[in-house]
N, C-alpha and C. Protein backbone atom coordinates (compact mmCIF):
# COMPACT_ATOMS: atom_id res chain seq x y z
N UNK A 1 164.86 98.83 112.27
CA UNK A 1 164.27 99.81 113.15
C UNK A 1 162.76 99.65 113.12
N UNK A 2 162.17 99.58 114.27
CA UNK A 2 160.74 99.33 114.37
C UNK A 2 160.02 100.62 114.73
N UNK A 3 158.87 100.83 114.13
CA UNK A 3 158.08 102.03 114.42
C UNK A 3 157.33 101.83 115.73
N UNK A 4 157.22 102.89 116.49
CA UNK A 4 156.55 102.78 117.79
C UNK A 4 155.03 102.86 117.68
N UNK A 5 154.52 103.39 116.57
CA UNK A 5 153.07 103.55 116.45
C UNK A 5 152.36 102.31 115.91
N UNK A 6 153.08 101.23 115.63
CA UNK A 6 152.43 100.03 115.10
C UNK A 6 151.62 99.30 116.15
N UNK A 7 151.87 99.57 117.39
CA UNK A 7 151.10 98.88 118.43
C UNK A 7 149.66 99.38 118.50
N UNK A 8 149.37 100.54 117.88
CA UNK A 8 148.02 101.10 117.93
C UNK A 8 147.09 100.48 116.88
N UNK A 9 147.62 99.71 115.96
CA UNK A 9 146.81 99.13 114.90
C UNK A 9 146.13 97.86 115.39
N UNK A 10 144.84 97.80 115.17
CA UNK A 10 144.08 96.59 115.49
C UNK A 10 144.05 95.72 114.24
N UNK A 11 143.93 94.43 114.45
CA UNK A 11 143.90 93.52 113.30
C UNK A 11 142.69 93.79 112.40
N UNK A 12 141.58 94.21 112.97
CA UNK A 12 140.40 94.51 112.15
C UNK A 12 140.63 95.75 111.28
N UNK A 13 141.38 96.74 111.80
CA UNK A 13 141.70 97.92 110.99
C UNK A 13 142.62 97.56 109.83
N UNK A 14 143.59 96.74 110.10
CA UNK A 14 144.51 96.31 109.06
C UNK A 14 143.76 95.51 107.99
N UNK A 15 142.87 94.63 108.42
CA UNK A 15 142.09 93.83 107.48
C UNK A 15 141.21 94.73 106.61
N UNK A 16 140.61 95.77 107.19
CA UNK A 16 139.78 96.69 106.41
C UNK A 16 140.61 97.46 105.39
N UNK A 17 141.80 97.90 105.78
CA UNK A 17 142.67 98.61 104.84
C UNK A 17 143.11 97.71 103.69
N UNK A 18 143.46 96.48 104.01
CA UNK A 18 143.86 95.54 102.96
C UNK A 18 142.70 95.26 102.00
N UNK A 19 141.51 95.12 102.54
CA UNK A 19 140.33 94.89 101.69
C UNK A 19 140.08 96.10 100.79
N UNK A 20 140.28 97.31 101.32
CA UNK A 20 140.09 98.52 100.53
C UNK A 20 141.12 98.59 99.39
N UNK A 21 142.37 98.29 99.68
CA UNK A 21 143.41 98.29 98.66
C UNK A 21 143.11 97.25 97.58
N UNK A 22 142.68 96.08 97.99
CA UNK A 22 142.36 95.02 97.04
C UNK A 22 141.17 95.40 96.15
N UNK A 23 140.15 96.02 96.73
CA UNK A 23 138.99 96.41 95.92
C UNK A 23 139.37 97.52 94.95
N UNK A 24 140.27 98.44 95.34
CA UNK A 24 140.73 99.47 94.42
C UNK A 24 141.51 98.85 93.27
N UNK A 25 142.35 97.88 93.56
CA UNK A 25 143.12 97.20 92.51
C UNK A 25 142.18 96.50 91.54
N UNK A 26 141.16 95.80 92.05
CA UNK A 26 140.19 95.13 91.18
C UNK A 26 139.42 96.13 90.33
N UNK A 27 139.09 97.29 90.91
CA UNK A 27 138.37 98.33 90.18
C UNK A 27 139.18 98.77 88.96
N UNK A 28 140.47 99.05 89.13
CA UNK A 28 141.30 99.48 88.01
C UNK A 28 141.52 98.35 87.01
N UNK A 29 141.60 97.12 87.48
CA UNK A 29 141.72 95.98 86.56
C UNK A 29 140.45 95.85 85.72
N UNK A 30 139.30 96.05 86.33
CA UNK A 30 138.04 95.98 85.58
C UNK A 30 137.95 97.10 84.54
N UNK A 31 138.41 98.30 84.89
CA UNK A 31 138.42 99.41 83.93
C UNK A 31 139.33 99.08 82.75
N UNK A 32 140.51 98.56 83.03
CA UNK A 32 141.47 98.19 81.99
C UNK A 32 140.88 97.12 81.08
N UNK A 33 140.23 96.12 81.67
CA UNK A 33 139.66 95.02 80.89
C UNK A 33 138.51 95.48 79.99
N UNK A 34 137.76 96.47 80.43
CA UNK A 34 136.57 96.90 79.69
C UNK A 34 136.83 97.99 78.66
N UNK A 35 138.06 98.46 78.54
CA UNK A 35 138.35 99.51 77.55
C UNK A 35 137.97 99.03 76.15
N UNK A 36 137.33 99.89 75.34
CA UNK A 36 136.94 99.48 73.99
C UNK A 36 138.09 99.52 72.99
N UNK A 37 139.27 99.89 73.43
CA UNK A 37 140.46 99.96 72.59
C UNK A 37 141.39 98.82 72.98
N UNK A 38 142.07 98.24 71.99
CA UNK A 38 143.02 97.16 72.28
C UNK A 38 144.24 97.75 72.98
N UNK A 39 144.47 97.31 74.23
CA UNK A 39 145.55 97.85 75.04
C UNK A 39 146.34 96.71 75.65
N UNK A 40 147.68 96.89 75.69
CA UNK A 40 148.55 95.89 76.31
C UNK A 40 149.62 96.60 77.13
N UNK A 41 150.11 95.90 78.14
CA UNK A 41 151.25 96.37 78.93
C UNK A 41 152.43 95.49 78.56
N UNK A 42 153.53 96.12 78.11
CA UNK A 42 154.71 95.41 77.67
C UNK A 42 155.77 95.49 78.77
N UNK A 43 156.28 94.33 79.19
CA UNK A 43 157.30 94.27 80.25
C UNK A 43 158.67 94.62 79.69
N UNK A 44 159.67 94.72 80.58
CA UNK A 44 161.02 95.10 80.18
C UNK A 44 161.66 94.10 79.21
N UNK A 45 161.28 92.82 79.28
CA UNK A 45 161.83 91.84 78.35
C UNK A 45 161.02 91.75 77.06
N UNK A 46 160.17 92.74 76.83
CA UNK A 46 159.32 92.87 75.65
C UNK A 46 158.32 91.73 75.49
N UNK A 47 157.88 91.17 76.60
CA UNK A 47 156.77 90.22 76.60
C UNK A 47 155.53 90.96 77.07
N UNK A 48 154.38 90.37 76.83
CA UNK A 48 153.13 90.97 77.26
C UNK A 48 152.90 90.70 78.74
N UNK A 49 152.82 91.75 79.53
CA UNK A 49 152.56 91.60 80.96
C UNK A 49 151.06 91.52 81.22
N UNK A 50 150.28 92.27 80.45
CA UNK A 50 148.82 92.27 80.61
C UNK A 50 148.19 92.76 79.32
N UNK A 51 147.02 92.23 79.01
CA UNK A 51 146.25 92.69 77.86
C UNK A 51 144.78 92.76 78.26
N UNK A 52 144.04 93.62 77.58
CA UNK A 52 142.61 93.66 77.87
C UNK A 52 141.84 92.76 76.90
N UNK A 53 140.53 92.67 77.08
CA UNK A 53 139.70 91.77 76.26
C UNK A 53 139.78 92.11 74.78
N UNK A 54 139.72 93.40 74.46
CA UNK A 54 139.74 93.81 73.06
C UNK A 54 141.05 93.40 72.38
N UNK A 55 142.16 93.48 73.08
CA UNK A 55 143.45 93.06 72.53
C UNK A 55 143.44 91.56 72.27
N UNK A 56 142.91 90.78 73.20
CA UNK A 56 142.83 89.33 73.02
C UNK A 56 141.99 88.98 71.79
N UNK A 57 140.87 89.67 71.62
CA UNK A 57 139.98 89.40 70.48
C UNK A 57 140.66 89.75 69.16
N UNK A 58 141.28 90.91 69.09
CA UNK A 58 141.90 91.36 67.84
C UNK A 58 143.07 90.50 67.40
N UNK A 59 143.80 89.93 68.37
CA UNK A 59 144.99 89.16 68.02
C UNK A 59 144.84 87.67 68.30
N UNK A 60 143.63 87.23 68.63
CA UNK A 60 143.37 85.80 68.81
C UNK A 60 144.12 85.16 69.96
N UNK A 61 144.35 85.89 71.02
CA UNK A 61 145.03 85.35 72.21
C UNK A 61 143.98 84.81 73.17
N UNK A 62 143.60 83.57 73.00
CA UNK A 62 142.53 83.02 73.82
C UNK A 62 143.07 82.41 75.11
N UNK A 63 143.93 81.43 74.99
CA UNK A 63 144.42 80.74 76.19
C UNK A 63 145.93 80.80 76.32
N UNK A 64 146.57 81.73 75.61
CA UNK A 64 148.02 81.80 75.64
C UNK A 64 148.53 82.30 76.99
N UNK A 65 149.70 81.81 77.37
CA UNK A 65 150.39 82.32 78.53
C UNK A 65 151.08 83.61 78.10
N UNK A 66 150.64 84.74 78.61
CA UNK A 66 151.13 86.03 78.12
C UNK A 66 152.62 86.23 78.37
N UNK A 67 153.16 85.63 79.42
CA UNK A 67 154.58 85.83 79.71
C UNK A 67 155.47 85.19 78.64
N UNK A 68 154.90 84.33 77.79
CA UNK A 68 155.67 83.70 76.71
C UNK A 68 155.47 84.38 75.37
N UNK A 69 154.53 85.31 75.29
CA UNK A 69 154.24 85.98 74.02
C UNK A 69 155.08 87.25 73.94
N UNK A 70 156.01 87.28 73.00
CA UNK A 70 156.83 88.47 72.77
C UNK A 70 156.12 89.37 71.76
N UNK A 71 156.28 90.66 71.94
CA UNK A 71 155.64 91.62 71.04
C UNK A 71 156.15 91.44 69.62
N UNK A 72 157.44 91.15 69.46
CA UNK A 72 158.03 90.97 68.12
C UNK A 72 157.42 89.77 67.40
N UNK A 73 156.97 88.76 68.13
CA UNK A 73 156.33 87.61 67.49
C UNK A 73 154.91 87.95 67.05
N UNK A 74 154.25 88.78 67.81
CA UNK A 74 152.86 89.15 67.52
C UNK A 74 152.78 90.26 66.48
N UNK A 75 153.64 91.26 66.61
CA UNK A 75 153.67 92.41 65.71
C UNK A 75 155.10 92.60 65.21
N UNK A 76 155.51 91.83 64.19
CA UNK A 76 156.90 91.93 63.74
C UNK A 76 157.17 93.26 63.03
N UNK A 77 158.38 93.74 63.26
CA UNK A 77 158.79 94.98 62.60
C UNK A 77 159.92 95.63 63.36
N UNK A 78 160.96 96.05 62.63
CA UNK A 78 162.10 96.66 63.31
C UNK A 78 161.77 98.00 63.97
N UNK A 79 160.83 98.75 63.40
CA UNK A 79 160.48 100.06 63.96
C UNK A 79 159.86 99.90 65.35
N UNK A 80 158.98 98.93 65.51
CA UNK A 80 158.35 98.69 66.81
C UNK A 80 159.37 98.21 67.83
N UNK A 81 160.23 97.29 67.43
CA UNK A 81 161.23 96.77 68.36
C UNK A 81 162.19 97.87 68.80
N UNK A 82 162.59 98.72 67.88
CA UNK A 82 163.48 99.83 68.21
C UNK A 82 162.79 100.82 69.14
N UNK A 83 161.53 101.15 68.86
CA UNK A 83 160.79 102.09 69.71
C UNK A 83 160.63 101.53 71.12
N UNK A 84 160.31 100.23 71.24
CA UNK A 84 160.17 99.62 72.56
C UNK A 84 161.49 99.64 73.32
N UNK A 85 162.59 99.36 72.63
CA UNK A 85 163.91 99.38 73.26
C UNK A 85 164.23 100.77 73.79
N UNK A 86 163.97 101.79 72.99
CA UNK A 86 164.24 103.17 73.41
C UNK A 86 163.35 103.58 74.58
N UNK A 87 162.08 103.21 74.53
CA UNK A 87 161.16 103.56 75.61
C UNK A 87 161.55 102.88 76.92
N UNK A 88 161.86 101.60 76.85
CA UNK A 88 162.21 100.86 78.06
C UNK A 88 163.55 101.30 78.63
N UNK A 89 164.44 101.80 77.79
CA UNK A 89 165.74 102.31 78.26
C UNK A 89 165.62 103.73 78.82
N UNK A 90 164.49 104.37 78.61
CA UNK A 90 164.29 105.72 79.11
C UNK A 90 164.75 106.81 78.17
N UNK A 91 165.09 106.46 76.94
CA UNK A 91 165.54 107.45 75.96
C UNK A 91 164.39 108.30 75.44
N UNK A 92 163.20 107.73 75.41
CA UNK A 92 161.99 108.42 74.97
C UNK A 92 160.88 108.11 75.98
N UNK A 93 159.83 108.95 75.97
CA UNK A 93 158.70 108.70 76.87
C UNK A 93 157.46 108.24 76.13
N UNK A 94 157.37 108.57 74.85
CA UNK A 94 156.23 108.11 74.06
C UNK A 94 156.59 108.05 72.59
N UNK A 95 155.84 107.26 71.86
CA UNK A 95 156.06 107.12 70.42
C UNK A 95 154.75 106.71 69.76
N UNK A 96 154.64 107.01 68.47
CA UNK A 96 153.49 106.58 67.68
C UNK A 96 154.04 106.07 66.35
N UNK A 97 153.71 104.83 66.03
CA UNK A 97 154.19 104.26 64.77
C UNK A 97 153.05 103.52 64.08
N UNK A 98 153.20 103.37 62.77
CA UNK A 98 152.25 102.60 61.97
C UNK A 98 152.98 101.38 61.43
N UNK A 99 152.32 100.23 61.47
CA UNK A 99 152.90 99.02 60.91
C UNK A 99 151.84 98.31 60.08
N UNK A 100 152.30 97.42 59.23
CA UNK A 100 151.40 96.57 58.44
C UNK A 100 151.51 95.15 58.96
N UNK A 101 150.39 94.52 59.10
CA UNK A 101 150.32 93.13 59.52
C UNK A 101 149.44 92.42 58.50
N UNK A 102 150.08 91.93 57.44
CA UNK A 102 149.32 91.38 56.32
C UNK A 102 148.54 92.49 55.66
N UNK A 103 147.22 92.30 55.47
CA UNK A 103 146.41 93.35 54.86
C UNK A 103 146.01 94.45 55.85
N UNK A 104 146.29 94.25 57.12
CA UNK A 104 145.88 95.20 58.16
C UNK A 104 146.93 96.28 58.36
N UNK A 105 146.45 97.51 58.54
CA UNK A 105 147.32 98.63 58.92
C UNK A 105 146.98 98.99 60.36
N UNK A 106 148.01 99.07 61.18
CA UNK A 106 147.81 99.35 62.60
C UNK A 106 148.59 100.58 63.01
N UNK A 107 147.97 101.40 63.84
CA UNK A 107 148.66 102.54 64.46
C UNK A 107 148.84 102.18 65.93
N UNK A 108 150.09 102.26 66.38
CA UNK A 108 150.42 101.91 67.76
C UNK A 108 150.82 103.16 68.52
N UNK A 109 150.17 103.40 69.62
CA UNK A 109 150.56 104.47 70.53
C UNK A 109 151.27 103.84 71.71
N UNK A 110 152.50 104.27 71.97
CA UNK A 110 153.33 103.68 73.02
C UNK A 110 153.69 104.76 74.04
N UNK A 111 153.60 104.41 75.32
CA UNK A 111 153.95 105.35 76.38
C UNK A 111 154.63 104.61 77.51
N UNK A 112 155.78 105.11 77.92
CA UNK A 112 156.54 104.50 79.02
C UNK A 112 155.87 104.86 80.35
N UNK A 113 155.74 103.85 81.21
CA UNK A 113 155.15 104.06 82.53
C UNK A 113 155.99 103.32 83.57
N UNK A 114 155.75 103.64 84.82
CA UNK A 114 156.38 102.88 85.89
C UNK A 114 155.67 101.55 86.01
N UNK A 115 156.37 100.58 86.56
CA UNK A 115 155.80 99.24 86.72
C UNK A 115 154.62 99.22 87.67
N UNK A 116 153.86 98.15 87.60
CA UNK A 116 152.69 97.94 88.45
C UNK A 116 153.10 98.01 89.91
N UNK A 117 152.36 98.68 90.72
CA UNK A 117 152.59 98.86 92.15
C UNK A 117 153.92 99.56 92.42
N UNK A 118 154.25 100.54 91.58
CA UNK A 118 155.43 101.38 91.74
C UNK A 118 156.73 100.60 91.82
N UNK A 119 156.84 99.53 91.07
CA UNK A 119 158.10 98.78 91.03
C UNK A 119 159.13 99.60 90.25
N UNK A 120 160.41 99.36 90.47
CA UNK A 120 161.43 100.16 89.77
C UNK A 120 161.52 99.86 88.27
N UNK A 121 160.98 98.73 87.84
CA UNK A 121 161.01 98.40 86.42
C UNK A 121 160.04 99.28 85.65
N UNK A 122 160.42 99.62 84.43
CA UNK A 122 159.51 100.40 83.61
C UNK A 122 158.76 99.45 82.67
N UNK A 123 157.60 99.90 82.26
CA UNK A 123 156.77 99.15 81.34
C UNK A 123 156.29 100.11 80.26
N UNK A 124 155.74 99.55 79.20
CA UNK A 124 155.21 100.38 78.12
C UNK A 124 153.73 100.04 77.94
N UNK A 125 152.92 101.07 77.95
CA UNK A 125 151.49 100.92 77.67
C UNK A 125 151.33 101.09 76.17
N UNK A 126 150.75 100.07 75.52
CA UNK A 126 150.62 100.06 74.06
C UNK A 126 149.14 100.00 73.69
N UNK A 127 148.67 101.02 72.98
CA UNK A 127 147.31 101.05 72.46
C UNK A 127 147.36 100.80 70.96
N UNK A 128 146.47 99.95 70.47
CA UNK A 128 146.49 99.55 69.07
C UNK A 128 145.19 100.01 68.41
N UNK A 129 145.33 100.74 67.31
CA UNK A 129 144.18 101.20 66.54
C UNK A 129 144.30 100.63 65.14
N UNK A 130 143.24 100.02 64.64
CA UNK A 130 143.24 99.48 63.29
C UNK A 130 142.79 100.57 62.33
N UNK A 131 143.62 100.83 61.31
CA UNK A 131 143.31 101.85 60.32
C UNK A 131 142.61 101.20 59.13
N UNK A 132 141.53 101.82 58.69
CA UNK A 132 140.80 101.29 57.54
C UNK A 132 140.54 102.41 56.55
N UNK A 133 140.81 102.14 55.30
CA UNK A 133 140.49 103.10 54.23
C UNK A 133 141.49 104.24 54.13
N UNK A 134 141.29 105.05 53.10
CA UNK A 134 142.20 106.17 52.83
C UNK A 134 141.92 107.36 53.73
N UNK A 135 140.75 107.40 54.36
CA UNK A 135 140.40 108.57 55.17
C UNK A 135 141.25 108.67 56.43
N UNK A 136 141.93 107.57 56.81
CA UNK A 136 142.75 107.60 58.02
C UNK A 136 144.03 108.40 57.82
N UNK A 137 144.46 108.60 56.59
CA UNK A 137 145.71 109.31 56.36
C UNK A 137 145.48 110.80 56.15
N UNK A 138 144.25 111.22 55.90
CA UNK A 138 143.98 112.63 55.69
C UNK A 138 143.65 113.29 57.01
N UNK A 139 144.11 114.53 57.20
CA UNK A 139 143.78 115.22 58.44
C UNK A 139 142.30 115.56 58.50
N UNK A 140 141.78 115.66 59.71
CA UNK A 140 140.37 115.98 59.86
C UNK A 140 140.05 117.38 59.36
N UNK A 141 140.92 118.33 59.63
CA UNK A 141 140.73 119.69 59.17
C UNK A 141 141.92 120.09 58.29
N UNK A 142 141.79 120.00 56.98
CA UNK A 142 142.90 120.37 56.11
C UNK A 142 143.23 121.84 56.24
N UNK A 143 144.51 122.16 56.04
CA UNK A 143 144.94 123.55 56.15
C UNK A 143 144.68 124.26 54.83
N UNK A 144 143.77 125.21 54.86
CA UNK A 144 143.46 126.04 53.70
C UNK A 144 143.31 127.46 54.21
N UNK A 145 143.76 128.41 53.40
CA UNK A 145 143.72 129.82 53.82
C UNK A 145 142.27 130.28 53.97
N UNK A 146 141.86 130.58 55.18
CA UNK A 146 140.55 131.15 55.43
C UNK A 146 139.38 130.22 55.22
N UNK A 147 139.58 128.93 55.15
CA UNK A 147 138.47 128.01 54.91
C UNK A 147 138.54 126.85 55.89
N UNK A 148 137.39 126.27 56.12
CA UNK A 148 137.31 125.08 56.95
C UNK A 148 136.75 123.97 56.11
N UNK A 149 137.42 122.83 56.11
CA UNK A 149 136.95 121.68 55.35
C UNK A 149 136.28 120.68 56.28
N UNK A 150 135.17 120.14 55.85
CA UNK A 150 134.46 119.12 56.63
C UNK A 150 134.58 117.79 55.94
N UNK A 151 134.77 116.76 56.70
CA UNK A 151 134.75 115.42 56.13
C UNK A 151 133.62 114.66 56.79
N UNK A 152 133.00 113.78 56.02
CA UNK A 152 131.85 113.06 56.53
C UNK A 152 132.10 111.57 56.35
N UNK A 153 131.84 110.81 57.39
CA UNK A 153 131.97 109.36 57.29
C UNK A 153 130.67 108.77 56.77
N UNK A 154 130.77 107.78 55.88
CA UNK A 154 129.56 107.20 55.27
C UNK A 154 128.72 106.46 56.28
N UNK A 155 129.34 105.86 57.28
CA UNK A 155 128.58 105.11 58.27
C UNK A 155 127.65 106.04 59.03
């Protein structure tokens, strides 16, 4: 079935709209790339669909083909694999887990999202925070009756 109002569109109008959509897409890609936090988009097959600069630096992904890099190879652990499986299946919408990678402790924030350009496939947005020192496990404001505790970072 063909729409009757398509005859009113000029090729220059269509070209301007396409240019606007493309510039908006580039704008969001630039924002994603410049985030100061290591962020990755995980596809349904648990490979990396996209990563930002900070993620590449932290995990040494310089020239790798991202479609071949599985999350389980980069960040091994049954808890992460199980959380990703549940998120991609739609059983959960978000998760936060901590894993160890050698001497490094990492906190991963995971959130299920719709695929790029509203595709029916779901993806997982994964933010990675590196934990350092014992101060990461203590709450910022400890619970004490009638008192407020302050913590100070040495830096």
